[in-house]
Amino acid sequence: MAPREDDLGECWLWQGGDTFRVSVDLVTTPRRYIYEYSMGEELPANVVLFTFCRVGSCCRPGHLRPVEIAKKRFT
């Protein structure tokens, strides 16, 4: 069950760039890095993070929900 809006707490607003260099070989989004680090596991490539609070720059893990991207079918 998703938390109620008044249970979310304040957003953690990312004020840096759109990408975050984790290592020499890995660049990701700040939101994804913070979520994966706090949860202790890597998200699959077909999963994106939806902000439950609807604040575009929010990277607070409790405000983020992993959502699987549907595969697009070409006919």
Protein backbone atom coordinates (compact mmCIF):
# COMPACT_ATOMS: atom_id res chain seq x y z
CA MET A 1 0.00 0.00 0.00
CA ALA A 2 1.32 3.43 -0.92
CA PRO A 3 1.76 5.95 1.90
CA ARG A 4 -0.70 8.78 2.31
CA GLU A 5 0.48 12.15 1.08
CA ASP A 6 0.73 13.56 4.63
CA ASP A 7 2.95 10.58 5.67
CA LEU A 8 5.63 11.27 3.07
CA GLY A 9 7.72 13.81 4.93
CA GLU A 10 9.76 16.46 3.19
CA CYS A 11 11.28 15.86 -0.22
CA TRP A 12 15.03 15.53 -0.67
CA LEU A 13 15.62 17.86 -3.59
CA TRP A 14 18.56 17.10 -5.86
CA GLN A 15 20.19 20.33 -6.98
CA GLY A 16 23.01 18.88 -9.06
CA GLY A 17 23.10 17.65 -12.63
CA ASP A 18 20.92 15.08 -14.40
CA THR A 19 23.53 12.33 -14.18
CA PHE A 20 25.76 11.00 -11.44
CA ARG A 21 29.10 9.25 -11.99
CA VAL A 22 29.26 6.25 -9.66
CA SER A 23 32.55 4.92 -11.04
CA VAL A 24 34.71 5.25 -14.13
CA ASP A 25 32.39 2.90 -16.04
CA LEU A 26 28.99 3.73 -14.53
CA VAL A 27 26.87 6.85 -14.92
CA THR A 28 23.30 6.86 -13.60
CA THR A 29 20.66 9.28 -12.34
CA PRO A 30 21.00 10.63 -8.81
CA ARG A 31 17.51 9.35 -7.97
CA ARG A 32 18.33 5.82 -9.08
CA TYR A 33 21.70 5.78 -7.29
CA ILE A 34 20.24 7.00 -3.99
CA TYR A 35 17.34 4.54 -4.19
CA GLU A 36 19.58 1.56 -5.00
CA TYR A 37 22.10 2.53 -2.31
CA SER A 38 19.44 2.92 0.38
CA MET A 39 17.63 -0.31 -0.56
CA GLY A 40 20.85 -2.29 -0.94
CA GLU A 41 20.04 -3.78 -4.33
CA GLU A 42 20.36 -2.85 -7.98
CA LEU A 43 17.21 -2.26 -10.01
CA PRO A 44 16.83 -4.11 -13.31
CA ALA A 45 17.40 -2.03 -16.46
CA ASN A 46 13.69 -2.20 -17.37
CA VAL A 47 12.63 -0.48 -14.12
CA VAL A 48 12.27 3.28 -13.67
CA LEU A 49 11.48 5.24 -10.52
CA PHE A 50 8.17 7.06 -10.21
CA THR A 51 7.98 9.93 -7.71
CA PHE A 52 4.95 9.38 -5.49
CA CYS A 53 5.22 12.99 -4.29
CA ARG A 54 5.19 14.29 -7.90
CA VAL A 55 8.21 16.53 -7.31
CA GLY A 56 10.57 16.07 -10.26
CA SER A 57 13.83 16.68 -8.39
CA CYS A 58 12.92 14.60 -5.32
CA CYS A 59 15.29 11.72 -4.56
CA ARG A 60 14.01 10.65 -1.12
CA PRO A 61 13.75 6.83 -1.25
CA GLY A 62 10.40 6.79 0.59
CA HIS A 63 8.90 8.95 -2.15
CA LEU A 64 10.04 6.70 -4.99
CA ARG A 65 8.31 3.65 -6.43
CA PRO A 66 9.95 1.27 -8.90
CA VAL A 67 7.83 0.75 -12.02
CA GLU A 68 8.56 -1.77 -14.74
CA ILE A 69 8.63 -0.38 -18.27
CA ALA A 70 6.30 -2.23 -20.61
CA LYS A 71 7.94 -3.59 -23.72
CA LYS A 72 6.77 -1.79 -26.82
CA ARG A 73 5.49 -4.08 -29.50
CA PHE A 74 6.04 -3.15 -33.11
CA THR A 75 3.60 -4.61 -35.60
